[in-house]
PDB file of N, CA and C in Angstrom:
ATOM      1  N   UNK A   1      13.516  11.804 -15.626  1.00  0.00           N
ATOM      2  CA  UNK A   1      14.533  10.921 -16.164  1.00  0.00           C
ATOM      3  C   UNK A   1      14.992   9.926 -15.106  1.00  0.00           C
ATOM      4  N   UNK A   2      15.171  10.424 -13.881  1.00  0.00           N
ATOM      5  CA  UNK A   2      15.638   9.551 -12.804  1.00  0.00           C
ATOM      6  C   UNK A   2      14.590   8.493 -12.465  1.00  0.00           C
ATOM      7  N   UNK A   3      13.317   8.854 -12.554  1.00  0.00           N
ATOM      8  CA  UNK A   3      12.247   7.909 -12.268  1.00  0.00           C
ATOM      9  C   UNK A   3      12.229   6.761 -13.278  1.00  0.00           C
ATOM     10  N   UNK A   4      12.477   7.062 -14.531  1.00  0.00           N
ATOM     11  CA  UNK A   4      12.529   6.026 -15.570  1.00  0.00           C
ATOM     12  C   UNK A   4      13.719   5.105 -15.336  1.00  0.00           C
ATOM     13  N   UNK A   5      14.841   5.675 -14.933  1.00  0.00           N
ATOM     14  CA  UNK A   5      16.028   4.867 -14.653  1.00  0.00           C
ATOM     15  C   UNK A   5      15.780   3.936 -13.462  1.00  0.00           C
ATOM     16  N   UNK A   6      15.127   4.426 -12.436  1.00  0.00           N
ATOM     17  CA  UNK A   6      14.805   3.589 -11.279  1.00  0.00           C
ATOM     18  C   UNK A   6      13.838   2.477 -11.685  1.00  0.00           C
ATOM     19  N   UNK A   7      12.881   2.795 -12.540  1.00  0.00           N
ATOM     20  CA  UNK A   7      11.925   1.801 -13.026  1.00  0.00           C
ATOM     21  C   UNK A   7      12.656   0.693 -13.798  1.00  0.00           C
ATOM     22  N   UNK A   8      13.583   1.065 -14.666  1.00  0.00           N
ATOM     23  CA  UNK A   8      14.342   0.081 -15.434  1.00  0.00           C
ATOM     24  C   UNK A   8      15.221  -0.759 -14.516  1.00  0.00           C
ATOM     25  N   UNK A   9      15.846  -0.137 -13.525  1.00  0.00           N
ATOM     26  CA  UNK A   9      16.680  -0.885 -12.583  1.00  0.00           C
ATOM     27  C   UNK A   9      15.847  -1.843 -11.742  1.00  0.00           C
ATOM     28  N   UNK A  10      14.634  -1.455 -11.389  1.00  0.00           N
ATOM     29  CA  UNK A  10      13.757  -2.371 -10.664  1.00  0.00           C
ATOM     30  C   UNK A  10      13.339  -3.554 -11.537  1.00  0.00           C
ATOM     31  N   UNK A  11      13.156  -3.314 -12.825  1.00  0.00           N
ATOM     32  CA  UNK A  11      12.856  -4.411 -13.745  1.00  0.00           C
ATOM     33  C   UNK A  11      14.049  -5.358 -13.860  1.00  0.00           C
ATOM     34  N   UNK A  12      15.252  -4.796 -13.900  1.00  0.00           N
ATOM     35  CA  UNK A  12      16.458  -5.624 -13.933  1.00  0.00           C
ATOM     36  C   UNK A  12      16.575  -6.427 -12.633  1.00  0.00           C
ATOM     37  N   UNK A  13      16.251  -5.794 -11.505  1.00  0.00           N
ATOM     38  CA  UNK A  13      16.280  -6.493 -10.222  1.00  0.00           C
ATOM     39  C   UNK A  13      15.280  -7.644 -10.221  1.00  0.00           C
ATOM     40  N   UNK A  14      14.144  -7.449 -10.825  1.00  0.00           N
ATOM     41  CA  UNK A  14      13.147  -8.516 -10.908  1.00  0.00           C
ATOM     42  C   UNK A  14      13.649  -9.667 -11.775  1.00  0.00           C
ATOM     43  N   UNK A  15      14.352  -9.346 -12.853  1.00  0.00           N
ATOM     44  CA  UNK A  15      14.947 -10.389 -13.691  1.00  0.00           C
ATOM     45  C   UNK A  15      16.032 -11.153 -12.928  1.00  0.00           C
ATOM     46  N   UNK A  16      16.801 -10.452 -12.106  1.00  0.00           N
ATOM     47  CA  UNK A  16      17.832 -11.111 -11.292  1.00  0.00           C
ATOM     48  C   UNK A  16      17.180 -12.060 -10.298  1.00  0.00           C
ATOM     49  N   UNK A  17      16.099 -11.618  -9.673  1.00  0.00           N
ATOM     50  CA  UNK A  17      15.380 -12.475  -8.722  1.00  0.00           C
ATOM     51  C   UNK A  17      14.846 -13.716  -9.423  1.00  0.00           C
ATOM     52  N   UNK A  18      14.295 -13.548 -10.608  1.00  0.00           N
ATOM     53  CA  UNK A  18      13.778 -14.691 -11.358  1.00  0.00           C
ATOM     54  C   UNK A  18      14.899 -15.622 -11.787  1.00  0.00           C
ATOM     55  N   UNK A  19      16.082 -15.086 -12.033  1.00  0.00           N
ATOM     56  CA  UNK A  19      17.219 -15.920 -12.414  1.00  0.00           C
ATOM     57  C   UNK A  19      17.739 -16.715 -11.218  1.00  0.00           C
ATOM     58  N   UNK A  20      17.736 -16.092 -10.040  1.00  0.00           N
ATOM     59  CA  UNK A  20      18.278 -16.736  -8.837  1.00  0.00           C
ATOM     60  C   UNK A  20      17.307 -17.762  -8.260  1.00  0.00           C
ATOM     61  N   UNK A  21      16.029 -17.414  -8.183  1.00  0.00           N
ATOM     62  CA  UNK A  21      15.041 -18.254  -7.496  1.00  0.00           C
ATOM     63  C   UNK A  21      14.215 -19.054  -8.502  1.00  0.00           C
ATOM     64  N   UNK A  22      14.170 -20.364  -8.356  1.00  0.00           N
ATOM     65  CA  UNK A  22      13.399 -21.167  -9.316  1.00  0.00           C
ATOM     66  C   UNK A  22      11.889 -21.052  -9.158  1.00  0.00           C
ATOM     67  N   UNK A  23      11.396 -20.540  -8.033  1.00  0.00           N
ATOM     68  CA  UNK A  23       9.960 -20.426  -7.815  1.00  0.00           C
ATOM     69  C   UNK A  23       9.358 -19.152  -8.356  1.00  0.00           C
ATOM     70  N   UNK A  24      10.186 -18.307  -8.973  1.00  0.00           N
ATOM     71  CA  UNK A  24       9.707 -17.037  -9.531  1.00  0.00           C
ATOM     72  C   UNK A  24      10.122 -16.991 -10.992  1.00  0.00           C
ATOM     73  N   UNK A  25       9.160 -16.716 -11.863  1.00  0.00           N
ATOM     74  CA  UNK A  25       9.466 -16.661 -13.294  1.00  0.00           C
ATOM     75  C   UNK A  25       9.004 -15.336 -13.880  1.00  0.00           C
ATOM     76  N   UNK A  26       9.816 -14.825 -14.788  1.00  0.00           N
ATOM     77  CA  UNK A  26       9.488 -13.624 -15.548  1.00  0.00           C
ATOM     78  C   UNK A  26       9.680 -13.985 -17.013  1.00  0.00           C
ATOM     79  N   UNK A  27       8.658 -13.740 -17.828  1.00  0.00           N
ATOM     80  CA  UNK A  27       8.681 -14.182 -19.218  1.00  0.00           C
ATOM     81  C   UNK A  27       9.675 -13.408 -20.074  1.00  0.00           C
ATOM     82  N   UNK A  28       9.741 -12.087 -19.897  1.00  0.00           N
ATOM     83  CA  UNK A  28      10.602 -11.277 -20.753  1.00  0.00           C
ATOM     84  C   UNK A  28      10.924  -9.972 -20.037  1.00  0.00           C
ATOM     85  N   UNK A  29      11.766  -9.153 -20.690  1.00  0.00           N
ATOM     86  CA  UNK A  29      12.097  -7.858 -20.099  1.00  0.00           C
ATOM     87  C   UNK A  29      10.874  -6.946 -20.073  1.00  0.00           C
ATOM     88  N   UNK A  30      10.027  -7.054 -21.088  1.00  0.00           N
ATOM     89  CA  UNK A  30       8.787  -6.272 -21.098  1.00  0.00           C
ATOM     90  C   UNK A  30       7.875  -6.654 -19.945  1.00  0.00           C
ATOM     91  N   UNK A  31       7.791  -7.942 -19.657  1.00  0.00           N
ATOM     92  CA  UNK A  31       7.007  -8.400 -18.509  1.00  0.00           C
ATOM     93  C   UNK A  31       7.607  -7.904 -17.205  1.00  0.00           C
ATOM     94  N   UNK A  32       8.936  -7.857 -17.154  1.00  0.00           N
ATOM     95  CA  UNK A  32       9.605  -7.349 -15.951  1.00  0.00           C
ATOM     96  C   UNK A  32       9.327  -5.857 -15.776  1.00  0.00           C
ATOM     97  N   UNK A  33       9.282  -5.100 -16.870  1.00  0.00           N
ATOM     98  CA  UNK A  33       8.949  -3.680 -16.776  1.00  0.00           C
ATOM     99  C   UNK A  33       7.534  -3.474 -16.249  1.00  0.00           C
ATOM    100  N   UNK A  34       6.595  -4.259 -16.771  1.00  0.00           N
ATOM    101  CA  UNK A  34       5.216  -4.133 -16.311  1.00  0.00           C
ATOM    102  C   UNK A  34       5.095  -4.567 -14.852  1.00  0.00           C
ATOM    103  N   UNK A  35       5.782  -5.651 -14.483  1.00  0.00           N
ATOM    104  CA  UNK A  35       5.725  -6.127 -13.105  1.00  0.00           C
ATOM    105  C   UNK A  35       6.358  -5.121 -12.147  1.00  0.00           C
ATOM    106  N   UNK A  36       7.452  -4.494 -12.560  1.00  0.00           N
ATOM    107  CA  UNK A  36       8.083  -3.487 -11.709  1.00  0.00           C
ATOM    108  C   UNK A  36       7.164  -2.287 -11.529  1.00  0.00           C
ATOM    109  N   UNK A  37       6.454  -1.910 -12.584  1.00  0.00           N
ATOM    110  CA  UNK A  37       5.501  -0.809 -12.487  1.00  0.00           C
ATOM    111  C   UNK A  37       4.346  -1.160 -11.546  1.00  0.00           C
ATOM    112  N   UNK A  38       3.804  -2.365 -11.691  1.00  0.00           N
ATOM    113  CA  UNK A  38       2.698  -2.794 -10.836  1.00  0.00           C
ATOM    114  C   UNK A  38       3.156  -2.917  -9.384  1.00  0.00           C
ATOM    115  N   UNK A  39       4.352  -3.459  -9.159  1.00  0.00           N
ATOM    116  CA  UNK A  39       4.880  -3.549  -7.789  1.00  0.00           C
ATOM    117  C   UNK A  39       5.054  -2.164  -7.177  1.00  0.00           C
ATOM    118  N   UNK A  40       5.548  -1.237  -7.960  1.00  0.00           N
ATOM    119  CA  UNK A  40       5.701   0.123  -7.467  1.00  0.00           C
ATOM    120  C   UNK A  40       4.374   0.761  -7.117  1.00  0.00           C
ATOM    121  N   UNK A  41       3.365   0.558  -7.966  1.00  0.00           N
ATOM    122  CA  UNK A  41       2.036   1.110  -7.686  1.00  0.00           C
ATOM    123  C   UNK A  41       1.396   0.449  -6.467  1.00  0.00           C
ATOM    124  N   UNK A  42       1.549  -0.861  -6.346  1.00  0.00           N
ATOM    125  CA  UNK A  42       0.999  -1.549  -5.177  1.00  0.00           C
ATOM    126  C   UNK A  42       1.696  -1.101  -3.896  1.00  0.00           C
ATOM    127  N   UNK A  43       3.008  -0.925  -3.963  1.00  0.00           N
ATOM    128  CA  UNK A  43       3.741  -0.470  -2.782  1.00  0.00           C
ATOM    129  C   UNK A  43       3.387   0.966  -2.415  1.00  0.00           C
ATOM    130  N   UNK A  44       3.030   1.767  -3.391  1.00  0.00           N
ATOM    131  CA  UNK A  44       2.694   3.163  -3.113  1.00  0.00           C
ATOM    132  C   UNK A  44       1.243   3.347  -2.686  1.00  0.00           C
ATOM    133  N   UNK A  45       0.330   2.522  -3.203  1.00  0.00           N
ATOM    134  CA  UNK A  45      -1.091   2.745  -2.955  1.00  0.00           C
ATOM    135  C   UNK A  45      -1.711   1.757  -1.969  1.00  0.00           C
ATOM    136  N   UNK A  46      -1.418   0.493  -2.111  1.00  0.00           N
ATOM    137  CA  UNK A  46      -2.085  -0.529  -1.312  1.00  0.00           C
ATOM    138  C   UNK A  46      -1.342  -0.811  -0.004  1.00  0.00           C
ATOM    139  N   UNK A  47      -0.036  -0.852  -0.068  1.00  0.00           N
ATOM    140  CA  UNK A  47       0.749  -1.235   1.108  1.00  0.00           C
ATOM    141  C   UNK A  47       0.560  -0.289   2.302  1.00  0.00           C
ATOM    142  N   UNK A  48       0.498   1.035   2.124  1.00  0.00           N
ATOM    143  CA  UNK A  48       0.251   1.888   3.299  1.00  0.00           C
ATOM    144  C   UNK A  48      -1.086   1.599   3.987  1.00  0.00           C
ATOM    145  N   UNK A  49      -2.109   1.270   3.205  1.00  0.00           N
ATOM    146  CA  UNK A  49      -3.405   0.921   3.791  1.00  0.00           C
ATOM    147  C   UNK A  49      -3.289  -0.378   4.588  1.00  0.00           C
ATOM    148  N   UNK A  50      -2.573  -1.351   4.031  1.00  0.00           N
ATOM    149  CA  UNK A  50      -2.376  -2.613   4.732  1.00  0.00           C
ATOM    150  C   UNK A  50      -1.568  -2.422   6.012  1.00  0.00           C
ATOM    151  N   UNK A  51      -0.597  -1.537   5.981  1.00  0.00           N
ATOM    152  CA  UNK A  51       0.215  -1.280   7.172  1.00  0.00           C
ATOM    153  C   UNK A  51      -0.654  -0.697   8.285  1.00  0.00           C
ATOM    154  N   UNK A  52      -1.528   0.231   7.942  1.00  0.00           N
ATOM    155  CA  UNK A  52      -2.407   0.827   8.953  1.00  0.00           C
ATOM    156  C   UNK A  52      -3.386  -0.218   9.493  1.00  0.00           C
ATOM    157  N   UNK A  53      -3.942  -1.041   8.621  1.00  0.00           N
ATOM    158  CA  UNK A  53      -4.918  -2.038   9.055  1.00  0.00           C
ATOM    159  C   UNK A  53      -4.295  -3.124   9.935  1.00  0.00           C
ATOM    160  N   UNK A  54      -3.027  -3.440   9.700  1.00  0.00           N
ATOM    161  CA  UNK A  54      -2.370  -4.509  10.454  1.00  0.00           C
ATOM    162  C   UNK A  54      -1.403  -3.973  11.500  1.00  0.00           C
ATOM    163  N   UNK A  55      -1.582  -2.736  11.892  1.00  0.00           N
ATOM    164  CA  UNK A  55      -0.672  -2.124  12.868  1.00  0.00           C
ATOM    165  C   UNK A  55      -0.601  -2.880  14.196  1.00  0.00           C
ATOM    166  N   UNK A  56      -1.710  -3.356  14.762  1.00  0.00           N
ATOM    167  CA  UNK A  56      -1.584  -4.109  16.015  1.00  0.00           C
ATOM    168  C   UNK A  56      -0.734  -5.382  15.885  1.00  0.00           C
ATOM    169  N   UNK A  57      -0.917  -6.108  14.778  1.00  0.00           N
ATOM    170  CA  UNK A  57      -0.122  -7.323  14.562  1.00  0.00           C
ATOM    171  C   UNK A  57       1.347  -6.959  14.367  1.00  0.00           C
ATOM    172  N   UNK A  58       1.602  -5.873  13.661  1.00  0.00           N
ATOM    173  CA  UNK A  58       2.970  -5.426  13.429  1.00  0.00           C
ATOM    174  C   UNK A  58       3.653  -5.042  14.734  1.00  0.00           C
ATOM    175  N   UNK A  59       2.930  -4.391  15.621  1.00  0.00           N
ATOM    176  CA  UNK A  59       3.505  -4.001  16.910  1.00  0.00           C
ATOM    177  C   UNK A  59       3.799  -5.240  17.753  1.00  0.00           C
ATOM    178  N   UNK A  60       2.868  -6.189  17.780  1.00  0.00           N
ATOM    179  CA  UNK A  60       3.050  -7.400  18.581  1.00  0.00           C
ATOM    180  C   UNK A  60       4.239  -8.216  18.080  1.00  0.00           C
ATOM    181  N   UNK A  61       4.420  -8.263  16.762  1.00  0.00           N
ATOM    182  CA  UNK A  61       5.530  -9.040  16.197  1.00  0.00           C
ATOM    183  C   UNK A  61       6.805  -8.224  16.050  1.00  0.00           C
ATOM    184  N   UNK A  62       6.809  -7.036  16.619  1.00  0.00           N
ATOM    185  CA  UNK A  62       7.982  -6.148  16.575  1.00  0.00           C
ATOM    186  C   UNK A  62       8.421  -5.828  15.146  1.00  0.00           C
ATOM    187  N   UNK A  63       7.450  -5.691  14.256  1.00  0.00           N
ATOM    188  CA  UNK A  63       7.730  -5.284  12.887  1.00  0.00           C
ATOM    189  C   UNK A  63       7.967  -6.419  11.913  1.00  0.00           C
ATOM    190  N   UNK A  64       8.043  -7.650  12.401  1.00  0.00           N
ATOM    191  CA  UNK A  64       8.301  -8.769  11.495  1.00  0.00           C
ATOM    192  C   UNK A  64       7.128  -9.050  10.561  1.00  0.00           C
ATOM    193  N   UNK A  65       5.929  -8.607  10.934  1.00  0.00           N
ATOM    194  CA  UNK A  65       4.780  -8.811  10.063  1.00  0.00           C
ATOM    195  C   UNK A  65       4.906  -8.008   8.773  1.00  0.00           C
ATOM    196  N   UNK A  66       5.753  -6.989   8.764  1.00  0.00           N
ATOM    197  CA  UNK A  66       5.984  -6.231   7.525  1.00  0.00           C
ATOM    198  C   UNK A  66       6.602  -7.106   6.442  1.00  0.00           C
ATOM    199  N   UNK A  67       7.380  -8.119   6.835  1.00  0.00           N
ATOM    200  CA  UNK A  67       7.891  -9.084   5.853  1.00  0.00           C
ATOM    201  C   UNK A  67       6.750  -9.855   5.201  1.00  0.00           C
ATOM    202  N   UNK A  68       5.749 -10.199   6.001  1.00  0.00           N
ATOM    203  CA  UNK A  68       4.580 -10.894   5.463  1.00  0.00           C
ATOM    204  C   UNK A  68       3.814  -9.979   4.503  1.00  0.00           C
ATOM    205  N   UNK A  69       3.679  -8.709   4.862  1.00  0.00           N
ATOM    206  CA  UNK A  69       2.998  -7.765   3.963  1.00  0.00           C
ATOM    207  C   UNK A  69       3.751  -7.607   2.648  1.00  0.00           C
ATOM    208  N   UNK A  70       5.080  -7.495   2.725  1.00  0.00           N
ATOM    209  CA  UNK A  70       5.879  -7.413   1.502  1.00  0.00           C
ATOM    210  C   UNK A  70       5.668  -8.647   0.639  1.00  0.00           C
ATOM    211  N   UNK A  71       5.659  -9.814   1.266  1.00  0.00           N
ATOM    212  CA  UNK A  71       5.466 -11.054   0.523  1.00  0.00           C
ATOM    213  C   UNK A  71       4.078 -11.116  -0.094  1.00  0.00           C
ATOM    214  N   UNK A  72       3.062 -10.675   0.634  1.00  0.00           N
ATOM    215  CA  UNK A  72       1.704 -10.708   0.095  1.00  0.00           C
ATOM    216  C   UNK A  72       1.547  -9.769  -1.101  1.00  0.00           C
ATOM    217  N   UNK A  73       2.154  -8.601  -1.038  1.00  0.00           N
ATOM    218  CA  UNK A  73       2.101  -7.668  -2.168  1.00  0.00           C
ATOM    219  C   UNK A  73       2.852  -8.265  -3.366  1.00  0.00           C
ATOM    220  N   UNK A  74       4.015  -8.868  -3.117  1.00  0.00           N
ATOM    221  CA  UNK A  74       4.802  -9.501  -4.179  1.00  0.00           C
ATOM    222  C   UNK A  74       4.015 -10.657  -4.803  1.00  0.00           C
ATOM    223  N   UNK A  75       3.397 -11.474  -3.967  1.00  0.00           N
ATOM    224  CA  UNK A  75       2.620 -12.622  -4.431  1.00  0.00           C
ATOM    225  C   UNK A  75       1.393 -12.165  -5.206  1.00  0.00           C
ATOM    226  N   UNK A  76       0.734 -11.101  -4.730  1.00  0.00           N
ATOM    227  CA  UNK A  76      -0.438 -10.572  -5.431  1.00  0.00           C
ATOM    228  C   UNK A  76      -0.065 -10.067  -6.818  1.00  0.00           C
ATOM    229  N   UNK A  77       1.069  -9.378  -6.911  1.00  0.00           N
ATOM    230  CA  UNK A  77       1.517  -8.906  -8.230  1.00  0.00           C
ATOM    231  C   UNK A  77       1.778 -10.092  -9.153  1.00  0.00           C
ATOM    232  N   UNK A  78       2.334 -11.158  -8.622  1.00  0.00           N
ATOM    233  CA  UNK A  78       2.567 -12.349  -9.426  1.00  0.00           C
ATOM    234  C   UNK A  78       1.294 -13.051  -9.845  1.00  0.00           C
ATOM    235  N   UNK A  79       0.235 -12.879  -9.070  1.00  0.00           N
ATOM    236  CA  UNK A  79      -1.010 -13.560  -9.416  1.00  0.00           C
ATOM    237  C   UNK A  79      -1.861 -12.778 -10.420  1.00  0.00           C
ATOM    238  N   UNK A  80      -1.660 -11.464 -10.526  1.00  0.00           N
ATOM    239  CA  UNK A  80      -2.504 -10.690 -11.446  1.00  0.00           C
ATOM    240  C   UNK A  80      -1.834 -10.430 -12.794  1.00  0.00           C
ATOM    241  N   UNK A  81      -0.551 -10.708 -12.900  1.00  0.00           N
ATOM    242  CA  UNK A  81       0.163 -10.450 -14.156  1.00  0.00           C
ATOM    243  C   UNK A  81       0.437 -11.760 -14.887  1.00  0.00           C
ATOM    244  N   UNK A  82       0.385 -11.696 -16.206  1.00  0.00           N
ATOM    245  CA  UNK A  82       0.581 -12.894 -17.017  1.00  0.00           C
ATOM    246  C   UNK A  82       2.055 -13.323 -17.105  1.00  0.00           C
ATOM    247  N   UNK A  83       2.964 -12.386 -17.323  1.00  0.00           N
ATOM    248  CA  UNK A  83       4.359 -12.729 -17.543  1.00  0.00           C
ATOM    249  C   UNK A  83       5.204 -12.806 -16.289  1.00  0.00           C
ATOM    250  N   UNK A  84       4.592 -12.643 -15.126  1.00  0.00           N
ATOM    251  CA  UNK A  84       5.296 -12.676 -13.846  1.00  0.00           C
ATOM    252  C   UNK A  84       4.551 -13.641 -12.937  1.00  0.00           C
ATOM    253  N   UNK A  85       5.261 -14.684 -12.475  1.00  0.00           N
ATOM    254  CA  UNK A  85       4.598 -15.718 -11.695  1.00  0.00           C
ATOM    255  C   UNK A  85       5.410 -16.030 -10.451  1.00  0.00           C
ATOM    256  N   UNK A  86       4.705 -16.122  -9.324  1.00  0.00           N
ATOM    257  CA  UNK A  86       5.290 -16.526  -8.049  1.00  0.00           C
ATOM    258  C   UNK A  86       4.580 -17.810  -7.632  1.00  0.00           C
ATOM    259  N   UNK A  87       5.350 -18.866  -7.356  1.00  0.00           N
ATOM    260  CA  UNK A  87       4.779 -20.199  -7.164  1.00  0.00           C
ATOM    261  C   UNK A  87       4.370 -20.534  -5.740  1.00  0.00           C
ATOM    262  N   UNK A  88       4.195 -19.569  -4.887  1.00  0.00           N
ATOM    263  CA  UNK A  88       3.739 -19.860  -3.535  1.00  0.00           C
ATOM    264  C   UNK A  88       4.145 -18.764  -2.568  1.00  0.00           C
ATOM    265  N   UNK A  89       3.602 -18.891  -1.349  1.00  0.00           N
ATOM    266  CA  UNK A  89       3.849 -17.851  -0.364  1.00  0.00           C
ATOM    267  C   UNK A  89       5.316 -17.780   0.037  1.00  0.00           C
ATOM    268  N   UNK A  90       5.943 -18.922   0.265  1.00  0.00           N
ATOM    269  CA  UNK A  90       7.336 -18.897   0.726  1.00  0.00           C
ATOM    270  C   UNK A  90       8.279 -18.404  -0.359  1.00  0.00           C
ATOM    271  N   UNK A  91       7.965 -18.693  -1.617  1.00  0.00           N
ATOM    272  CA  UNK A  91       8.754 -18.100  -2.705  1.00  0.00           C
ATOM    273  C   UNK A  91       8.543 -16.594  -2.739  1.00  0.00           C
ATOM    274  N   UNK A  92       7.343 -16.148  -2.382  1.00  0.00           N
ATOM    275  CA  UNK A  92       7.070 -14.709  -2.329  1.00  0.00           C
ATOM    276  C   UNK A  92       7.860 -14.048  -1.205  1.00  0.00           C
ATOM    277  N   UNK A  93       7.979 -14.721  -0.070  1.00  0.00           N
ATOM    278  CA  UNK A  93       8.765 -14.167   1.040  1.00  0.00           C
ATOM    279  C   UNK A  93      10.224 -14.027   0.631  1.00  0.00           C
ATOM    280  N   UNK A  94      10.795 -15.097   0.104  1.00  0.00           N
ATOM    281  CA  UNK A  94      12.198 -15.063  -0.311  1.00  0.00           C
ATOM    282  C   UNK A  94      12.390 -14.080  -1.460  1.00  0.00           C
ATOM    283  N   UNK A  95      11.465 -14.095  -2.419  1.00  0.00           N
ATOM    284  CA  UNK A  95      11.560 -13.193  -3.566  1.00  0.00           C
ATOM    285  C   UNK A  95      11.467 -11.731  -3.169  1.00  0.00           C
ATOM    286  N   UNK A  96      10.587 -11.408  -2.227  1.00  0.00           N
ATOM    287  CA  UNK A  96      10.456 -10.015  -1.782  1.00  0.00           C
ATOM    288  C   UNK A  96      11.729  -9.551  -1.083  1.00  0.00           C
ATOM    289  N   UNK A  97      12.337 -10.431  -0.295  1.00  0.00           N
ATOM    290  CA  UNK A  97      13.582 -10.067   0.394  1.00  0.00           C
ATOM    291  C   UNK A  97      14.705  -9.856  -0.615  1.00  0.00           C
ATOM    292  N   UNK A  98      14.855 -10.800  -1.538  1.00  0.00           N
ATOM    293  CA  UNK A  98      15.936 -10.690  -2.536  1.00  0.00           C
ATOM    294  C   UNK A  98      15.695  -9.491  -3.450  1.00  0.00           C
ATOM    295  N   UNK A  99      14.433  -9.263  -3.831  1.00  0.00           N
ATOM    296  CA  UNK A  99      14.099  -8.111  -4.679  1.00  0.00           C
ATOM    297  C   UNK A  99      14.444  -6.796  -3.983  1.00  0.00           C
ATOM    298  N   UNK A 100      14.149  -6.707  -2.701  1.00  0.00           N
ATOM    299  CA  UNK A 100      14.477  -5.491  -1.948  1.00  0.00           C
ATOM    300  C   UNK A 100      15.982  -5.260  -1.897  1.00  0.00           C
ATOM    301  N   UNK A 101      16.727  -6.327  -1.661  1.00  0.00           N
ATOM    302  CA  UNK A 101      18.187  -6.204  -1.577  1.00  0.00           C
ATOM    303  C   UNK A 101      18.775  -5.804  -2.924  1.00  0.00           C
ATOM    304  N   UNK A 102      18.380  -6.506  -3.982  1.00  0.00           N
ATOM    305  CA  UNK A 102      18.953  -6.245  -5.311  1.00  0.00           C
ATOM    306  C   UNK A 102      18.557  -4.860  -5.818  1.00  0.00           C
ATOM    307  N   UNK A 103      17.290  -4.473  -5.648  1.00  0.00           N
ATOM    308  CA  UNK A 103      16.879  -3.151  -6.127  1.00  0.00           C
ATOM    309  C   UNK A 103      17.533  -2.043  -5.294  1.00  0.00           C
ATOM    310  N   UNK A 104      17.750  -2.294  -4.009  1.00  0.00           N
ATOM    311  CA  UNK A 104      18.470  -1.327  -3.194  1.00  0.00           C
ATOM    312  C   UNK A 104      19.908  -1.156  -3.638  1.00  0.00           C
ATOM    313  N   UNK A 105      20.560  -2.271  -3.954  1.00  0.00           N
ATOM    314  CA  UNK A 105      21.948  -2.203  -4.431  1.00  0.00           C
ATOM    315  C   UNK A 105      22.024  -1.490  -5.785  1.00  0.00           C
ATOM    316  N   UNK A 106      21.074  -1.807  -6.671  1.00  0.00           N
ATOM    317  CA  UNK A 106      21.096  -1.167  -7.993  1.00  0.00           C
ATOM    318  C   UNK A 106      20.748   0.321  -7.914  1.00  0.00           C
ATOM    319  N   UNK A 107      19.865   0.694  -7.009  1.00  0.00           N
ATOM    320  CA  UNK A 107      19.521   2.123  -6.895  1.00  0.00           C
ATOM    321  C   UNK A 107      20.659   2.923  -6.299  1.00  0.00           C
ATOM    322  N   UNK A 108      21.571   2.267  -5.597  1.00  0.00           N
ATOM    323  CA  UNK A 108      22.752   2.974  -5.101  1.00  0.00           C
ATOM    324  C   UNK A 108      23.713   3.353  -6.226  1.00  0.00           C
ATOM    325  N   UNK A 109      23.546   2.762  -7.397  1.00  0.00           N
ATOM    326  CA  UNK A 109      24.395   3.095  -8.542  1.00  0.00           C
ATOM    327  C   UNK A 109      24.032   4.433  -9.162  1.00  0.00           C
ATOM    328  N   UNK A 110      22.839   4.932  -8.868  1.00  0.00           N
ATOM    329  CA  UNK A 110      22.399   6.208  -9.426  1.00  0.00           C
ATOM    330  C   UNK A 110      22.992   7.340  -8.612  1.00  0.00           C
ATOM    331  N   UNK A 111      23.716   8.235  -9.248  1.00  0.00           N
ATOM    332  CA  UNK A 111      24.269   9.374  -8.492  1.00  0.00           C
ATOM    333  C   UNK A 111      23.151  10.336  -8.067  1.00  0.00           C
ATOM    334  N   UNK A 112      23.267  10.838  -6.858  1.00  0.00           N
ATOM    335  CA  UNK A 112      22.230  11.729  -6.338  1.00  0.00           C
ATOM    336  C   UNK A 112      22.410  13.143  -6.848  1.00  0.00           C
TER     337      UNK A 112
END
């Protein structure tokens, strides 16, 4: 039950990001649900592999390259889904940061 609630809150966070940033569009709440699911799967499956592969760059940049990885995963999700669109790399960077902040704030609403 808690996992479904987190999924819905992440979809709401994605809608908030699309409302705030003009370079990110979400067609509907259903598209936001699918995009939140795909983002979650990419963050769970693909991102750890990317972190290991780019570990030297991450160490040299003192961890700032992780922002680039977050943006690339966000941008990739926008490029493979029909109802979720990211209009460029810099919109992906800003969108990934805002999405992380908003979803973190919304997940704090769930009692542990």
